[in-house]
N, C-alpha and C. Protein backbone atom coordinates (compact mmCIF):
# COMPACT_ATOMS: atom_id res chain seq x y z
N UNK A 1 -37.74 100.44 -58.45
CA UNK A 1 -37.32 101.61 -57.70
C UNK A 1 -38.43 102.02 -56.74
N UNK A 2 -37.98 102.60 -55.65
CA UNK A 2 -38.89 103.05 -54.61
C UNK A 2 -38.62 104.52 -54.33
N UNK A 3 -39.68 105.32 -54.27
CA UNK A 3 -39.56 106.75 -53.97
C UNK A 3 -39.84 106.93 -52.48
N UNK A 4 -38.93 107.62 -51.78
CA UNK A 4 -39.03 107.79 -50.32
C UNK A 4 -38.94 109.25 -49.93
N UNK A 5 -39.53 109.56 -48.75
CA UNK A 5 -39.43 110.90 -48.16
C UNK A 5 -38.83 110.74 -46.76
N UNK A 6 -37.87 111.57 -46.45
CA UNK A 6 -37.19 111.51 -45.16
C UNK A 6 -38.10 112.05 -44.06
N UNK A 7 -38.24 111.27 -42.96
CA UNK A 7 -39.04 111.71 -41.82
C UNK A 7 -38.18 112.01 -40.60
N UNK A 8 -36.90 111.61 -40.67
CA UNK A 8 -35.96 111.90 -39.58
C UNK A 8 -34.57 112.06 -40.17
N UNK A 9 -33.85 113.11 -39.79
CA UNK A 9 -32.52 113.40 -40.32
C UNK A 9 -31.57 112.23 -40.05
N UNK A 10 -30.75 111.88 -41.05
CA UNK A 10 -29.77 110.81 -40.87
C UNK A 10 -28.63 110.95 -41.87
N UNK A 11 -27.54 110.25 -41.60
CA UNK A 11 -26.42 110.17 -42.53
C UNK A 11 -26.39 108.76 -43.10
N UNK A 12 -25.90 108.63 -44.32
CA UNK A 12 -25.90 107.35 -45.00
C UNK A 12 -24.56 107.10 -45.66
N UNK A 13 -23.95 105.97 -45.33
CA UNK A 13 -22.66 105.60 -45.90
C UNK A 13 -22.78 105.35 -47.41
N UNK A 14 -23.87 104.72 -47.83
CA UNK A 14 -24.10 104.41 -49.25
C UNK A 14 -24.92 105.51 -49.93
N UNK A 15 -24.62 106.75 -49.62
CA UNK A 15 -25.35 107.90 -50.16
C UNK A 15 -25.33 107.92 -51.69
N UNK A 16 -24.23 107.44 -52.29
CA UNK A 16 -24.09 107.47 -53.75
C UNK A 16 -25.06 106.53 -54.46
N UNK A 17 -25.69 105.63 -53.75
CA UNK A 17 -26.65 104.69 -54.35
C UNK A 17 -28.04 105.31 -54.52
N UNK A 18 -28.25 106.48 -53.93
CA UNK A 18 -29.54 107.15 -54.04
C UNK A 18 -29.62 107.90 -55.36
N UNK A 19 -30.81 107.94 -55.93
CA UNK A 19 -31.03 108.60 -57.22
C UNK A 19 -32.06 109.71 -57.10
N UNK A 20 -31.99 110.67 -57.99
CA UNK A 20 -32.98 111.75 -58.11
C UNK A 20 -33.32 112.39 -56.76
N UNK A 21 -32.32 112.85 -56.06
CA UNK A 21 -32.53 113.46 -54.75
C UNK A 21 -33.09 114.87 -54.93
N UNK A 22 -34.22 115.15 -54.27
CA UNK A 22 -34.82 116.48 -54.28
C UNK A 22 -34.72 117.01 -52.86
N UNK A 23 -33.94 118.06 -52.71
CA UNK A 23 -33.67 118.63 -51.39
C UNK A 23 -34.78 119.59 -50.98
N UNK A 24 -35.11 119.55 -49.71
CA UNK A 24 -36.07 120.49 -49.15
C UNK A 24 -35.38 121.80 -48.80
N UNK A 25 -34.12 121.71 -48.33
CA UNK A 25 -33.41 122.95 -47.98
C UNK A 25 -31.91 122.81 -48.19
N UNK A 26 -31.17 122.24 -47.25
CA UNK A 26 -29.71 122.22 -47.25
C UNK A 26 -29.16 121.11 -48.16
N UNK A 27 -28.13 121.44 -48.93
CA UNK A 27 -27.46 120.46 -49.80
C UNK A 27 -26.16 120.06 -49.12
N UNK A 28 -26.12 118.82 -48.60
CA UNK A 28 -24.91 118.33 -47.94
C UNK A 28 -24.75 116.85 -48.26
N UNK A 29 -23.65 116.50 -48.91
CA UNK A 29 -23.42 115.11 -49.34
C UNK A 29 -23.29 114.19 -48.12
N UNK A 30 -24.01 113.08 -48.18
CA UNK A 30 -23.95 112.10 -47.11
C UNK A 30 -25.04 112.26 -46.07
N UNK A 31 -25.68 113.44 -46.03
CA UNK A 31 -26.73 113.69 -45.06
C UNK A 31 -28.06 113.92 -45.77
N UNK A 32 -29.11 113.44 -45.14
CA UNK A 32 -30.46 113.69 -45.64
C UNK A 32 -31.26 114.33 -44.51
N UNK A 33 -32.08 115.30 -44.89
CA UNK A 33 -32.83 116.08 -43.92
C UNK A 33 -34.32 115.85 -44.10
N UNK A 34 -35.09 116.15 -43.08
CA UNK A 34 -36.53 115.96 -43.10
C UNK A 34 -37.14 116.69 -44.29
N UNK A 35 -37.95 115.96 -45.08
CA UNK A 35 -38.60 116.53 -46.26
C UNK A 35 -37.89 116.21 -47.56
N UNK A 36 -36.62 115.80 -47.52
CA UNK A 36 -35.91 115.42 -48.74
C UNK A 36 -36.58 114.19 -49.34
N UNK A 37 -36.56 114.10 -50.66
CA UNK A 37 -37.10 112.94 -51.36
C UNK A 37 -36.04 112.35 -52.27
N UNK A 38 -36.09 111.03 -52.46
CA UNK A 38 -35.12 110.35 -53.32
C UNK A 38 -35.68 109.03 -53.79
N UNK A 39 -34.98 108.43 -54.75
CA UNK A 39 -35.32 107.10 -55.24
C UNK A 39 -34.19 106.15 -54.88
N UNK A 40 -34.55 104.91 -54.56
CA UNK A 40 -33.55 103.90 -54.23
C UNK A 40 -34.10 102.53 -54.61
N UNK A 41 -33.24 101.51 -54.48
CA UNK A 41 -33.71 100.16 -54.79
C UNK A 41 -34.50 99.60 -53.59
N UNK A 42 -35.14 98.47 -53.80
CA UNK A 42 -36.00 97.87 -52.79
C UNK A 42 -35.23 97.50 -51.52
N UNK A 43 -34.03 97.00 -51.69
CA UNK A 43 -33.20 96.60 -50.55
C UNK A 43 -32.87 97.80 -49.66
N UNK A 44 -32.49 98.92 -50.26
CA UNK A 44 -32.17 100.13 -49.51
C UNK A 44 -33.42 100.65 -48.80
N UNK A 45 -34.57 100.60 -49.47
CA UNK A 45 -35.83 101.07 -48.88
C UNK A 45 -36.18 100.25 -47.64
N UNK A 46 -35.99 98.95 -47.71
CA UNK A 46 -36.26 98.09 -46.55
C UNK A 46 -35.33 98.45 -45.39
N UNK A 47 -34.08 98.71 -45.71
CA UNK A 47 -33.09 99.08 -44.69
C UNK A 47 -33.51 100.37 -43.98
N UNK A 48 -33.93 101.36 -44.77
CA UNK A 48 -34.27 102.66 -44.22
C UNK A 48 -35.64 102.69 -43.52
N UNK A 49 -36.46 101.67 -43.76
CA UNK A 49 -37.77 101.61 -43.12
C UNK A 49 -37.79 100.64 -41.93
N UNK A 50 -36.62 100.30 -41.40
CA UNK A 50 -36.59 99.54 -40.15
C UNK A 50 -35.91 98.19 -40.20
N UNK A 51 -35.52 97.72 -41.35
CA UNK A 51 -34.81 96.43 -41.44
C UNK A 51 -33.31 96.67 -41.27
N UNK A 52 -32.95 97.33 -40.17
CA UNK A 52 -31.55 97.60 -39.87
C UNK A 52 -31.26 97.17 -38.44
N UNK A 53 -30.00 97.28 -38.02
CA UNK A 53 -29.59 96.81 -36.70
C UNK A 53 -30.34 97.51 -35.57
N UNK A 54 -30.60 98.80 -35.73
CA UNK A 54 -31.26 99.59 -34.68
C UNK A 54 -32.78 99.57 -34.79
N UNK A 55 -33.32 98.96 -35.86
CA UNK A 55 -34.76 98.92 -36.13
C UNK A 55 -35.35 100.33 -36.20
N UNK A 56 -34.56 101.26 -36.71
CA UNK A 56 -34.95 102.66 -36.79
C UNK A 56 -35.55 102.98 -38.16
N UNK A 57 -36.70 103.62 -38.18
CA UNK A 57 -37.37 104.03 -39.41
C UNK A 57 -37.05 105.50 -39.64
N UNK A 58 -36.42 105.81 -40.78
CA UNK A 58 -36.03 107.19 -41.07
C UNK A 58 -36.67 107.75 -42.34
N UNK A 59 -37.37 106.89 -43.11
CA UNK A 59 -38.05 107.35 -44.32
C UNK A 59 -39.46 106.77 -44.39
N UNK A 60 -40.26 107.43 -45.22
CA UNK A 60 -41.61 106.96 -45.51
C UNK A 60 -41.66 106.67 -47.00
N UNK A 61 -42.17 105.50 -47.38
CA UNK A 61 -42.28 105.14 -48.79
C UNK A 61 -43.44 105.90 -49.40
N UNK A 62 -43.15 106.62 -50.49
CA UNK A 62 -44.17 107.41 -51.18
C UNK A 62 -44.75 106.63 -52.35
N UNK A 63 -43.86 105.98 -53.09
CA UNK A 63 -44.29 105.32 -54.32
C UNK A 63 -43.37 104.15 -54.63
N UNK A 64 -43.97 103.06 -55.10
CA UNK A 64 -43.19 101.92 -55.58
C UNK A 64 -43.39 101.87 -57.08
N UNK A 65 -42.30 102.06 -57.82
CA UNK A 65 -42.38 102.07 -59.27
C UNK A 65 -42.18 100.66 -59.80
N UNK A 66 -43.04 100.21 -60.69
CA UNK A 66 -42.92 98.84 -61.21
C UNK A 66 -41.67 98.66 -62.05
N UNK A 67 -41.17 97.43 -62.02
CA UNK A 67 -40.02 97.10 -62.86
C UNK A 67 -40.52 96.91 -64.28
N UNK A 68 -39.80 97.48 -65.22
CA UNK A 68 -40.17 97.36 -66.62
C UNK A 68 -39.41 96.18 -67.20
N UNK A 69 -40.16 95.22 -67.70
CA UNK A 69 -39.55 94.02 -68.26
C UNK A 69 -39.82 94.03 -69.76
N UNK A 70 -38.80 93.81 -70.53
CA UNK A 70 -38.96 93.76 -71.97
C UNK A 70 -37.71 94.28 -72.66
N UNK A 71 -37.73 94.18 -73.97
CA UNK A 71 -36.60 94.65 -74.74
C UNK A 71 -37.09 95.49 -75.92
N UNK A 72 -36.22 96.32 -76.39
CA UNK A 72 -36.49 97.11 -77.59
C UNK A 72 -35.49 96.67 -78.64
N UNK A 73 -36.00 96.29 -79.78
CA UNK A 73 -35.12 95.85 -80.86
C UNK A 73 -35.14 96.89 -81.98
N UNK A 74 -33.96 97.20 -82.47
CA UNK A 74 -33.82 98.13 -83.57
C UNK A 74 -33.55 97.35 -84.84
N UNK A 75 -34.19 97.76 -85.90
CA UNK A 75 -33.99 97.11 -87.18
C UNK A 75 -33.60 98.16 -88.22
N UNK A 76 -33.10 97.70 -89.32
CA UNK A 76 -32.72 98.60 -90.41
C UNK A 76 -33.81 98.68 -91.47
N UNK A 77 -35.00 98.21 -91.16
CA UNK A 77 -36.09 98.26 -92.13
C UNK A 77 -36.55 99.70 -92.31
N UNK A 78 -36.76 100.09 -93.56
CA UNK A 78 -37.21 101.47 -93.79
C UNK A 78 -38.65 101.66 -93.31
N UNK A 79 -38.94 102.85 -92.87
CA UNK A 79 -40.28 103.19 -92.42
C UNK A 79 -40.98 103.91 -93.55
N UNK A 80 -42.16 103.42 -93.89
CA UNK A 80 -42.92 104.02 -94.99
C UNK A 80 -43.89 105.04 -94.41
N UNK A 81 -43.73 106.27 -94.84
CA UNK A 81 -44.61 107.33 -94.37
C UNK A 81 -45.73 107.55 -95.36
N UNK A 82 -46.94 107.65 -94.86
CA UNK A 82 -48.09 107.90 -95.73
C UNK A 82 -48.72 109.20 -95.29
N UNK A 83 -48.81 110.13 -96.23
CA UNK A 83 -49.41 111.42 -95.94
C UNK A 83 -50.46 111.68 -97.00
N UNK A 84 -51.66 112.02 -96.56
CA UNK A 84 -52.74 112.33 -97.50
C UNK A 84 -53.19 113.76 -97.27
N UNK A 85 -53.36 114.47 -98.35
CA UNK A 85 -53.87 115.83 -98.27
C UNK A 85 -55.27 115.85 -98.85
N UNK A 86 -56.20 116.40 -98.10
CA UNK A 86 -57.57 116.53 -98.59
C UNK A 86 -57.77 117.97 -99.01
N UNK A 87 -58.35 118.17 -100.19
CA UNK A 87 -58.58 119.55 -100.62
C UNK A 87 -59.64 120.21 -99.73
N UNK A 88 -59.43 121.47 -99.47
CA UNK A 88 -60.39 122.20 -98.65
C UNK A 88 -61.40 122.89 -99.55
N UNK A 89 -62.59 123.02 -99.06
CA UNK A 89 -63.64 123.68 -99.83
C UNK A 89 -63.51 125.18 -99.63
N UNK A 90 -63.64 125.90 -100.72
CA UNK A 90 -63.58 127.36 -100.64
C UNK A 90 -64.97 127.88 -100.31
N UNK A 91 -64.99 128.82 -99.41
CA UNK A 91 -66.27 129.43 -99.04
C UNK A 91 -66.63 130.49 -100.06
N UNK A 92 -67.90 130.50 -100.39
CA UNK A 92 -68.37 131.53 -101.32
C UNK A 92 -68.74 132.75 -100.49
N UNK A 93 -68.21 133.84 -100.92
CA UNK A 93 -68.54 135.08 -100.23
C UNK A 93 -69.55 135.84 -101.06
N UNK A 94 -70.51 136.38 -100.41
CA UNK A 94 -71.54 137.16 -101.14
C UNK A 94 -71.11 138.63 -101.15
N UNK A 95 -71.23 139.22 -102.30
CA UNK A 95 -70.88 140.63 -102.46
C UNK A 95 -72.14 141.47 -102.38
N UNK A 96 -72.09 142.50 -101.63
CA UNK A 96 -73.25 143.39 -101.50
C UNK A 96 -72.94 144.74 -102.03
């Protein structure tokens, strides 16, 4: 995923492919305004940074998030919890 910031107002046909849109001011579906931030895939980021028919750059890339590769496996093995309590020392108080 790539995090982008809008540098020039534009409309986008594939607006629904954008994730985590943070609006700077106006909320309008299909349109993005200067200062808005969003996440998109690498292909969309390339398109919006000039790899389009008009060679127009409308966003600035803020962050490229690494792809997480791996799996999580769940098992039915019981988890053994170990808890140890250490006795606390009592303070001696002096009586006057």
